[in-house]
Full PDB file with SEQRES, HELIX, SHEET, SSBOND, CRYST1, ORIGX, SCALE, CONECT and MASTER records, all heavy atoms in Angstrom:
SEQRES   1 A   40  ALA GLY PRO SER ILE PRO PHE SER GLN GLY ALA PRO ASP          
SEQRES   2 A   40  ALA ALA ALA ALA MET LEU PRO ASN GLY HIS ILE LEU LEU          
SEQRES   3 A   40  THR LEU SER PRO THR PRO THR SER ALA ASP LEU PHE PRO          
SEQRES   4 A   40  SER                                                          
HELIX    1 AA1 PRO A    6  SER A    8  5                                   3    
SHEET    1 AA1 2 ALA A  16  MET A  18  0                                        
SHEET    2 AA1 2 ILE A  24  LEU A  26 -1                                        
CRYST1    1.000    1.000    1.000  90.00  90.00  90.00 P 1           1          
ORIGX1      1.000000  0.000000  0.000000        0.00000                         
ORIGX2      0.000000  1.000000  0.000000        0.00000                         
ORIGX3      0.000000  0.000000  1.000000        0.00000                         
SCALE1      1.000000  0.000000  0.000000        0.00000                         
SCALE2      0.000000  1.000000  0.000000        0.00000                         
SCALE3      0.000000  0.000000  1.000000        0.00000                         
ATOM      1  N   ALA A   1     125.785  63.657  10.999  1.00  0.00           N  
ATOM      2  CA  ALA A   1     124.641  62.818  11.307  1.00  0.00           C  
ATOM      3  C   ALA A   1     124.947  61.380  11.541  1.00  0.00           C  
ATOM      4  O   ALA A   1     125.849  60.805  10.845  1.00  0.00           O  
ATOM      5  CB  ALA A   1     123.714  62.918  10.115  1.00  0.00           C  
ATOM      6  N   GLY A   2     124.336  60.763  12.504  1.00  0.00           N  
ATOM      7  CA  GLY A   2     124.478  59.339  12.775  1.00  0.00           C  
ATOM      8  C   GLY A   2     123.389  58.566  12.098  1.00  0.00           C  
ATOM      9  O   GLY A   2     122.525  59.080  11.380  1.00  0.00           O  
ATOM     10  N   PRO A   3     123.327  57.273  12.341  1.00  0.00           N  
ATOM     11  CA  PRO A   3     122.314  56.426  11.717  1.00  0.00           C  
ATOM     12  C   PRO A   3     120.923  56.732  12.367  1.00  0.00           C  
ATOM     13  O   PRO A   3     120.811  57.089  13.485  1.00  0.00           O  
ATOM     14  CB  PRO A   3     122.754  54.996  12.093  1.00  0.00           C  
ATOM     15  CG  PRO A   3     123.512  55.154  13.313  1.00  0.00           C  
ATOM     16  CD  PRO A   3     124.260  56.424  13.185  1.00  0.00           C  
ATOM     17  N   SER A   4     119.873  56.564  11.534  1.00  0.00           N  
ATOM     18  CA  SER A   4     118.547  56.799  12.009  1.00  0.00           C  
ATOM     19  C   SER A   4     118.138  55.626  12.929  1.00  0.00           C  
ATOM     20  O   SER A   4     118.559  54.492  12.744  1.00  0.00           O  
ATOM     21  CB  SER A   4     117.568  56.881  10.878  1.00  0.00           C  
ATOM     22  OG  SER A   4     117.839  57.994  10.012  1.00  0.00           O  
ATOM     23  N   ILE A   5     117.328  55.870  13.942  1.00  0.00           N  
ATOM     24  CA  ILE A   5     116.866  54.904  14.847  1.00  0.00           C  
ATOM     25  C   ILE A   5     115.832  54.007  14.179  1.00  0.00           C  
ATOM     26  O   ILE A   5     114.971  54.511  13.426  1.00  0.00           O  
ATOM     27  CB  ILE A   5     116.255  55.576  16.150  1.00  0.00           C  
ATOM     28  CG1 ILE A   5     117.356  56.308  16.847  1.00  0.00           C  
ATOM     29  CG2 ILE A   5     115.649  54.537  17.071  1.00  0.00           C  
ATOM     30  CD1 ILE A   5     116.865  57.150  18.002  1.00  0.00           C  
ATOM     31  N   PRO A   6     115.873  52.706  14.347  1.00  0.00           N  
ATOM     32  CA  PRO A   6     114.932  51.784  13.640  1.00  0.00           C  
ATOM     33  C   PRO A   6     113.490  52.101  13.903  1.00  0.00           C  
ATOM     34  O   PRO A   6     113.079  52.508  14.993  1.00  0.00           O  
ATOM     35  CB  PRO A   6     115.305  50.386  14.180  1.00  0.00           C  
ATOM     36  CG  PRO A   6     116.714  50.524  14.724  1.00  0.00           C  
ATOM     37  CD  PRO A   6     116.812  51.960  15.216  1.00  0.00           C  
ATOM     38  N   PHE A   7     112.673  51.830  12.859  1.00  0.00           N  
ATOM     39  CA  PHE A   7     111.210  51.947  12.906  1.00  0.00           C  
ATOM     40  C   PHE A   7     110.752  53.311  13.461  1.00  0.00           C  
ATOM     41  O   PHE A   7     109.691  53.373  14.130  1.00  0.00           O  
ATOM     42  CB  PHE A   7     110.695  50.761  13.785  1.00  0.00           C  
ATOM     43  CG  PHE A   7     111.129  49.438  13.340  1.00  0.00           C  
ATOM     44  CD1 PHE A   7     111.991  48.688  14.130  1.00  0.00           C  
ATOM     45  CD2 PHE A   7     110.707  48.912  12.160  1.00  0.00           C  
ATOM     46  CE1 PHE A   7     112.436  47.439  13.732  1.00  0.00           C  
ATOM     47  CE2 PHE A   7     111.166  47.645  11.706  1.00  0.00           C  
ATOM     48  CZ  PHE A   7     112.006  46.944  12.529  1.00  0.00           C  
ATOM     49  N   SER A   8     111.466  54.357  13.161  1.00  0.00           N  
ATOM     50  CA  SER A   8     111.126  55.719  13.517  1.00  0.00           C  
ATOM     51  C   SER A   8     110.865  55.857  15.044  1.00  0.00           C  
ATOM     52  O   SER A   8     110.063  56.602  15.458  1.00  0.00           O  
ATOM     53  CB  SER A   8     109.834  56.130  12.765  1.00  0.00           C  
ATOM     54  OG  SER A   8     110.104  56.220  11.353  1.00  0.00           O  
ATOM     55  N   GLN A   9     111.626  55.069  15.809  1.00  0.00           N  
ATOM     56  CA  GLN A   9     111.549  55.184  17.256  1.00  0.00           C  
ATOM     57  C   GLN A   9     112.441  56.354  17.765  1.00  0.00           C  
ATOM     58  O   GLN A   9     113.208  56.925  17.043  1.00  0.00           O  
ATOM     59  CB  GLN A   9     111.938  53.903  17.911  1.00  0.00           C  
ATOM     60  CG  GLN A   9     111.017  52.763  17.558  1.00  0.00           C  
ATOM     61  CD  GLN A   9     111.458  51.434  18.246  1.00  0.00           C  
ATOM     62  OE1 GLN A   9     110.967  51.060  19.280  1.00  0.00           O  
ATOM     63  NE2 GLN A   9     112.468  50.802  17.680  1.00  0.00           N  
ATOM     64  N   GLY A  10     112.339  56.583  19.055  1.00  0.00           N  
ATOM     65  CA  GLY A  10     113.189  57.583  19.658  1.00  0.00           C  
ATOM     66  C   GLY A  10     113.452  57.236  21.129  1.00  0.00           C  
ATOM     67  O   GLY A  10     113.021  56.188  21.587  1.00  0.00           O  
ATOM     68  N   ALA A  11     114.164  58.148  21.864  1.00  0.00           N  
ATOM     69  CA  ALA A  11     114.473  57.910  23.254  1.00  0.00           C  
ATOM     70  C   ALA A  11     114.168  59.099  24.103  1.00  0.00           C  
ATOM     71  O   ALA A  11     115.019  59.836  24.555  1.00  0.00           O  
ATOM     72  CB  ALA A  11     116.013  57.565  23.354  1.00  0.00           C  
ATOM     73  N   PRO A  12     112.840  59.364  24.276  1.00  0.00           N  
ATOM     74  CA  PRO A  12     112.464  60.514  25.165  1.00  0.00           C  
ATOM     75  C   PRO A  12     112.738  60.139  26.643  1.00  0.00           C  
ATOM     76  O   PRO A  12     111.941  59.447  27.210  1.00  0.00           O  
ATOM     77  CB  PRO A  12     111.013  60.688  24.865  1.00  0.00           C  
ATOM     78  CG  PRO A  12     110.485  59.315  24.395  1.00  0.00           C  
ATOM     79  CD  PRO A  12     111.675  58.696  23.717  1.00  0.00           C  
ATOM     80  N   ASP A  13     113.815  60.637  27.170  1.00  0.00           N  
ATOM     81  CA  ASP A  13     114.176  60.303  28.578  1.00  0.00           C  
ATOM     82  C   ASP A  13     114.276  58.762  28.640  1.00  0.00           C  
ATOM     83  O   ASP A  13     113.346  58.154  29.191  1.00  0.00           O  
ATOM     84  CB  ASP A  13     113.212  60.930  29.572  1.00  0.00           C  
ATOM     85  CG  ASP A  13     113.604  62.263  29.980  1.00  0.00           C  
ATOM     86  OD1 ASP A  13     114.663  62.714  29.691  1.00  0.00           O  
ATOM     87  OD2 ASP A  13     112.767  62.903  30.696  1.00  0.00           O  
ATOM     88  N   ALA A  14     115.391  58.235  28.268  1.00  0.00           N  
ATOM     89  CA  ALA A  14     115.464  56.756  28.194  1.00  0.00           C  
ATOM     90  C   ALA A  14     116.860  56.317  28.634  1.00  0.00           C  
ATOM     91  O   ALA A  14     117.842  56.949  28.313  1.00  0.00           O  
ATOM     92  CB  ALA A  14     115.243  56.293  26.778  1.00  0.00           C  
ATOM     93  N   ALA A  15     116.886  55.265  29.434  1.00  0.00           N  
ATOM     94  CA  ALA A  15     118.141  54.744  29.974  1.00  0.00           C  
ATOM     95  C   ALA A  15     118.978  54.107  28.914  1.00  0.00           C  
ATOM     96  O   ALA A  15     118.446  53.509  27.961  1.00  0.00           O  
ATOM     97  CB  ALA A  15     117.871  53.727  31.052  1.00  0.00           C  
ATOM     98  N   ALA A  16     120.324  54.216  28.995  1.00  0.00           N  
ATOM     99  CA  ALA A  16     121.238  53.526  28.131  1.00  0.00           C  
ATOM    100  C   ALA A  16     122.561  53.329  28.835  1.00  0.00           C  
ATOM    101  O   ALA A  16     122.762  53.981  29.878  1.00  0.00           O  
ATOM    102  CB  ALA A  16     121.447  54.331  26.886  1.00  0.00           C  
ATOM    103  N   ALA A  17     123.395  52.375  28.377  1.00  0.00           N  
ATOM    104  CA  ALA A  17     124.646  52.117  29.033  1.00  0.00           C  
ATOM    105  C   ALA A  17     125.650  51.603  28.050  1.00  0.00           C  
ATOM    106  O   ALA A  17     125.302  50.902  27.062  1.00  0.00           O  
ATOM    107  CB  ALA A  17     124.435  51.099  30.151  1.00  0.00           C  
ATOM    108  N   MET A  18     126.931  51.973  28.228  1.00  0.00           N  
ATOM    109  CA  MET A  18     127.971  51.441  27.365  1.00  0.00           C  
ATOM    110  C   MET A  18     128.436  50.128  27.974  1.00  0.00           C  
ATOM    111  O   MET A  18     128.800  50.018  29.136  1.00  0.00           O  
ATOM    112  CB  MET A  18     129.185  52.364  27.253  1.00  0.00           C  
ATOM    113  CG  MET A  18     130.259  51.764  26.362  1.00  0.00           C  
ATOM    114  SD  MET A  18     131.706  52.865  26.156  1.00  0.00           S  
ATOM    115  CE  MET A  18     131.081  53.922  24.926  1.00  0.00           C  
ATOM    116  N   LEU A  19     128.517  49.074  27.107  1.00  0.00           N  
ATOM    117  CA  LEU A  19     129.006  47.782  27.533  1.00  0.00           C  
ATOM    118  C   LEU A  19     130.524  47.768  27.367  1.00  0.00           C  
ATOM    119  O   LEU A  19     131.114  48.518  26.619  1.00  0.00           O  
ATOM    120  CB  LEU A  19     128.352  46.692  26.661  1.00  0.00           C  
ATOM    121  CG  LEU A  19     126.816  46.682  26.653  1.00  0.00           C  
ATOM    122  CD1 LEU A  19     126.307  45.616  25.666  1.00  0.00           C  
ATOM    123  CD2 LEU A  19     126.291  46.476  28.019  1.00  0.00           C  
ATOM    124  N   PRO A  20     131.224  46.805  28.030  1.00  0.00           N  
ATOM    125  CA  PRO A  20     132.649  46.782  27.920  1.00  0.00           C  
ATOM    126  C   PRO A  20     133.102  46.453  26.511  1.00  0.00           C  
ATOM    127  O   PRO A  20     134.241  46.762  26.161  1.00  0.00           O  
ATOM    128  CB  PRO A  20     133.011  45.605  28.896  1.00  0.00           C  
ATOM    129  CG  PRO A  20     131.936  45.574  29.876  1.00  0.00           C  
ATOM    130  CD  PRO A  20     130.725  45.943  29.090  1.00  0.00           C  
ATOM    131  N   ASN A  21     132.301  45.876  25.606  1.00  0.00           N  
ATOM    132  CA  ASN A  21     132.643  45.611  24.252  1.00  0.00           C  
ATOM    133  C   ASN A  21     132.494  46.845  23.396  1.00  0.00           C  
ATOM    134  O   ASN A  21     132.694  46.843  22.173  1.00  0.00           O  
ATOM    135  CB  ASN A  21     131.915  44.478  23.660  1.00  0.00           C  
ATOM    136  CG  ASN A  21     130.371  44.667  23.663  1.00  0.00           C  
ATOM    137  OD1 ASN A  21     129.884  45.804  23.850  1.00  0.00           O  
ATOM    138  ND2 ASN A  21     129.647  43.571  23.539  1.00  0.00           N  
ATOM    139  N   GLY A  22     132.049  47.995  23.953  1.00  0.00           N  
ATOM    140  CA  GLY A  22     131.882  49.224  23.160  1.00  0.00           C  
ATOM    141  C   GLY A  22     130.469  49.471  22.632  1.00  0.00           C  
ATOM    142  O   GLY A  22     130.237  50.543  22.183  1.00  0.00           O  
ATOM    143  N   HIS A  23     129.669  48.376  22.681  1.00  0.00           N  
ATOM    144  CA  HIS A  23     128.276  48.573  22.230  1.00  0.00           C  
ATOM    145  C   HIS A  23     127.535  49.406  23.260  1.00  0.00           C  
ATOM    146  O   HIS A  23     127.887  49.519  24.436  1.00  0.00           O  
ATOM    147  CB  HIS A  23     127.632  47.221  22.060  1.00  0.00           C  
ATOM    148  CG  HIS A  23     128.208  46.396  20.978  1.00  0.00           C  
ATOM    149  ND1 HIS A  23     127.646  45.156  20.562  1.00  0.00           N  
ATOM    150  CD2 HIS A  23     129.267  46.551  20.142  1.00  0.00           C  
ATOM    151  CE1 HIS A  23     128.316  44.675  19.583  1.00  0.00           C  
ATOM    152  NE2 HIS A  23     129.304  45.510  19.309  1.00  0.00           N  
ATOM    153  N   ILE A  24     126.441  50.000  22.812  1.00  0.00           N  
ATOM    154  CA  ILE A  24     125.482  50.751  23.640  1.00  0.00           C  
ATOM    155  C   ILE A  24     124.221  49.953  23.823  1.00  0.00           C  
ATOM    156  O   ILE A  24     123.566  49.648  22.799  1.00  0.00           O  
ATOM    157  CB  ILE A  24     125.222  52.172  23.039  1.00  0.00           C  
ATOM    158  CG1 ILE A  24     126.453  52.974  22.766  1.00  0.00           C  
ATOM    159  CG2 ILE A  24     124.234  52.925  24.022  1.00  0.00           C  
ATOM    160  CD1 ILE A  24     127.311  53.206  23.972  1.00  0.00           C  
ATOM    161  N   LEU A  25     123.879  49.612  25.027  1.00  0.00           N  
ATOM    162  CA  LEU A  25     122.590  49.012  25.367  1.00  0.00           C  
ATOM    163  C   LEU A  25     121.658  50.139  25.598  1.00  0.00           C  
ATOM    164  O   LEU A  25     121.875  51.010  26.416  1.00  0.00           O  
ATOM    165  CB  LEU A  25     122.724  48.140  26.589  1.00  0.00           C  
ATOM    166  CG  LEU A  25     121.453  47.439  27.129  1.00  0.00           C  
ATOM    167  CD1 LEU A  25     120.933  46.413  26.175  1.00  0.00           C  
ATOM    168  CD2 LEU A  25     121.676  46.843  28.516  1.00  0.00           C  
ATOM    169  N   LEU A  26     120.486  50.176  24.893  1.00  0.00           N  
ATOM    170  CA  LEU A  26     119.577  51.316  24.965  1.00  0.00           C  
ATOM    171  C   LEU A  26     118.119  50.858  24.937  1.00  0.00           C  
ATOM    172  O   LEU A  26     117.800  49.768  24.505  1.00  0.00           O  
ATOM    173  CB  LEU A  26     119.818  52.301  23.876  1.00  0.00           C  
ATOM    174  CG  LEU A  26     119.594  51.980  22.376  1.00  0.00           C  
ATOM    175  CD1 LEU A  26     119.389  53.222  21.601  1.00  0.00           C  
ATOM    176  CD2 LEU A  26     120.733  51.171  21.785  1.00  0.00           C  
ATOM    177  N   THR A  27     117.248  51.765  25.489  1.00  0.00           N  
ATOM    178  CA  THR A  27     115.821  51.568  25.433  1.00  0.00           C  
ATOM    179  C   THR A  27     115.234  52.619  24.529  1.00  0.00           C  
ATOM    180  O   THR A  27     115.698  53.738  24.461  1.00  0.00           O  
ATOM    181  CB  THR A  27     115.196  51.743  26.843  1.00  0.00           C  
ATOM    182  OG1 THR A  27     115.635  53.029  27.401  1.00  0.00           O  
ATOM    183  CG2 THR A  27     115.695  50.687  27.780  1.00  0.00           C  
ATOM    184  N   LEU A  28     114.235  52.198  23.712  1.00  0.00           N  
ATOM    185  CA  LEU A  28     113.542  53.047  22.751  1.00  0.00           C  
ATOM    186  C   LEU A  28     112.058  52.885  22.873  1.00  0.00           C  
ATOM    187  O   LEU A  28     111.522  51.927  23.471  1.00  0.00           O  
ATOM    188  CB  LEU A  28     114.026  52.660  21.361  1.00  0.00           C  
ATOM    189  CG  LEU A  28     115.503  52.774  21.008  1.00  0.00           C  
ATOM    190  CD1 LEU A  28     115.834  52.177  19.661  1.00  0.00           C  
ATOM    191  CD2 LEU A  28     115.932  54.251  21.045  1.00  0.00           C  
ATOM    192  N   SER A  29     111.354  53.854  22.287  1.00  0.00           N  
ATOM    193  CA  SER A  29     109.888  53.764  22.234  1.00  0.00           C  
ATOM    194  C   SER A  29     109.457  54.487  20.964  1.00  0.00           C  
ATOM    195  O   SER A  29     110.274  55.149  20.220  1.00  0.00           O  
ATOM    196  CB  SER A  29     109.287  54.531  23.459  1.00  0.00           C  
ATOM    197  OG  SER A  29     109.439  55.900  23.327  1.00  0.00           O  
ATOM    198  N   PRO A  30     108.179  54.439  20.666  1.00  0.00           N  
ATOM    199  CA  PRO A  30     107.659  55.325  19.555  1.00  0.00           C  
ATOM    200  C   PRO A  30     107.992  56.767  19.820  1.00  0.00           C  
ATOM    201  O   PRO A  30     108.100  57.141  20.976  1.00  0.00           O  
ATOM    202  CB  PRO A  30     106.203  55.022  19.500  1.00  0.00           C  
ATOM    203  CG  PRO A  30     105.999  53.679  20.124  1.00  0.00           C  
ATOM    204  CD  PRO A  30     107.072  53.603  21.221  1.00  0.00           C  
ATOM    205  N   THR A  31     108.098  57.607  18.841  1.00  0.00           N  
ATOM    206  CA  THR A  31     108.431  58.950  19.022  1.00  0.00           C  
ATOM    207  C   THR A  31     107.256  59.741  19.589  1.00  0.00           C  
ATOM    208  O   THR A  31     106.070  59.338  19.376  1.00  0.00           O  
ATOM    209  CB  THR A  31     108.933  59.650  17.719  1.00  0.00           C  
ATOM    210  OG1 THR A  31     107.891  59.381  16.712  1.00  0.00           O  
ATOM    211  CG2 THR A  31     110.207  59.135  17.248  1.00  0.00           C  
ATOM    212  N   PRO A  32     107.473  60.692  20.427  1.00  0.00           N  
ATOM    213  CA  PRO A  32     106.378  61.443  21.070  1.00  0.00           C  
ATOM    214  C   PRO A  32     105.453  62.155  20.111  1.00  0.00           C  
ATOM    215  O   PRO A  32     105.840  62.494  19.013  1.00  0.00           O  
ATOM    216  CB  PRO A  32     107.129  62.457  21.954  1.00  0.00           C  
ATOM    217  CG  PRO A  32     108.466  61.884  22.162  1.00  0.00           C  
ATOM    218  CD  PRO A  32     108.797  61.148  20.826  1.00  0.00           C  
ATOM    219  N   THR A  33     104.241  62.341  20.558  1.00  0.00           N  
ATOM    220  CA  THR A  33     103.248  63.107  19.804  1.00  0.00           C  
ATOM    221  C   THR A  33     102.676  64.139  20.738  1.00  0.00           C  
ATOM    222  O   THR A  33     102.929  64.144  21.993  1.00  0.00           O  
ATOM    223  CB  THR A  33     102.113  62.225  19.308  1.00  0.00           C  
ATOM    224  OG1 THR A  33     101.394  61.710  20.392  1.00  0.00           O  
ATOM    225  CG2 THR A  33     102.648  61.043  18.438  1.00  0.00           C  
ATOM    226  N   SER A  34     101.913  65.063  20.210  1.00  0.00           N  
ATOM    227  CA  SER A  34     101.278  66.115  21.087  1.00  0.00           C  
ATOM    228  C   SER A  34     100.324  65.455  22.083  1.00  0.00           C  
ATOM    229  O   SER A  34     100.081  66.014  23.170  1.00  0.00           O  
ATOM    230  CB  SER A  34     100.545  67.113  20.230  1.00  0.00           C  
ATOM    231  OG  SER A  34      99.536  66.466  19.438  1.00  0.00           O  
ATOM    232  N   ALA A  35      99.794  64.272  21.773  1.00  0.00           N  
ATOM    233  CA  ALA A  35      98.845  63.612  22.671  1.00  0.00           C  
ATOM    234  C   ALA A  35      99.529  62.672  23.613  1.00  0.00           C  
ATOM    235  O   ALA A  35      98.920  62.282  24.612  1.00  0.00           O  
ATOM    236  CB  ALA A  35      97.765  62.870  21.840  1.00  0.00           C  
ATOM    237  N   ASP A  36     100.746  62.272  23.344  1.00  0.00           N  
ATOM    238  CA  ASP A  36     101.411  61.318  24.165  1.00  0.00           C  
ATOM    239  C   ASP A  36     102.918  61.608  24.167  1.00  0.00           C  
ATOM    240  O   ASP A  36     103.660  61.287  23.185  1.00  0.00           O  
ATOM    241  CB  ASP A  36     101.128  59.822  23.643  1.00  0.00           C  
ATOM    242  CG  ASP A  36     101.685  58.779  24.585  1.00  0.00           C  
ATOM    243  OD1 ASP A  36     102.314  59.130  25.585  1.00  0.00           O  
ATOM    244  OD2 ASP A  36     101.360  57.616  24.345  1.00  0.00           O  
ATOM    245  N   LEU A  37     103.385  62.219  25.227  1.00  0.00           N  
ATOM    246  CA  LEU A  37     104.789  62.637  25.274  1.00  0.00           C  
ATOM    247  C   LEU A  37     105.745  61.515  25.559  1.00  0.00           C  
ATOM    248  O   LEU A  37     106.895  61.568  25.211  1.00  0.00           O  
ATOM    249  CB  LEU A  37     104.984  63.719  26.346  1.00  0.00           C  
ATOM    250  CG  LEU A  37     104.182  64.984  26.241  1.00  0.00           C  
ATOM    251  CD1 LEU A  37     104.530  66.003  27.389  1.00  0.00           C  
ATOM    252  CD2 LEU A  37     104.345  65.641  24.907  1.00  0.00           C  
ATOM    253  N   PHE A  38     105.207  60.440  26.177  1.00  0.00           N  
ATOM    254  CA  PHE A  38     106.036  59.260  26.501  1.00  0.00           C  
ATOM    255  C   PHE A  38     105.303  58.031  26.127  1.00  0.00           C  
ATOM    256  O   PHE A  38     104.791  57.284  26.975  1.00  0.00           O  
ATOM    257  CB  PHE A  38     106.409  59.290  28.055  1.00  0.00           C  
ATOM    258  CG  PHE A  38     107.163  60.428  28.467  1.00  0.00           C  
ATOM    259  CD1 PHE A  38     106.527  61.590  28.941  1.00  0.00           C  
ATOM    260  CD2 PHE A  38     108.519  60.460  28.377  1.00  0.00           C  
ATOM    261  CE1 PHE A  38     107.294  62.746  29.319  1.00  0.00           C  
ATOM    262  CE2 PHE A  38     109.305  61.583  28.713  1.00  0.00           C  
ATOM    263  CZ  PHE A  38     108.676  62.741  29.220  1.00  0.00           C  
ATOM    264  N   PRO A  39     105.270  57.716  24.840  1.00  0.00           N  
ATOM    265  CA  PRO A  39     104.460  56.605  24.336  1.00  0.00           C  
ATOM    266  C   PRO A  39     105.110  55.204  24.677  1.00  0.00           C  
ATOM    267  O   PRO A  39     106.281  55.169  25.032  1.00  0.00           O  
ATOM    268  CB  PRO A  39     104.476  56.812  22.805  1.00  0.00           C  
ATOM    269  CG  PRO A  39     105.662  57.602  22.551  1.00  0.00           C  
ATOM    270  CD  PRO A  39     105.877  58.494  23.711  1.00  0.00           C  
ATOM    271  N   SER A  40     104.327  54.241  24.599  1.00  0.00           N  
ATOM    272  CA  SER A  40     104.786  52.838  24.807  1.00  0.00           C  
ATOM    273  C   SER A  40     104.542  52.067  23.525  1.00  0.00           C  
ATOM    274  O   SER A  40     103.810  52.507  22.635  1.00  0.00           O  
ATOM    275  CB  SER A  40     104.050  52.185  26.028  1.00  0.00           C  
ATOM    276  OG  SER A  40     102.661  52.149  25.709  1.00  0.00           O  
TER     277      SER A  40                                                      
MASTER        0    0    0    1    2    0    0    6  276    1    0    4          
END                                                                             
């Protein structure tokens, strides 16, 4: 298991990239629900 994503967010189809310093630049959103698969 890795670390939990902050504030119970997730990455439902979300862009990310590895930076030359080894960090990951990523986009997150609230986690999906039955009423909203891709929340903002």
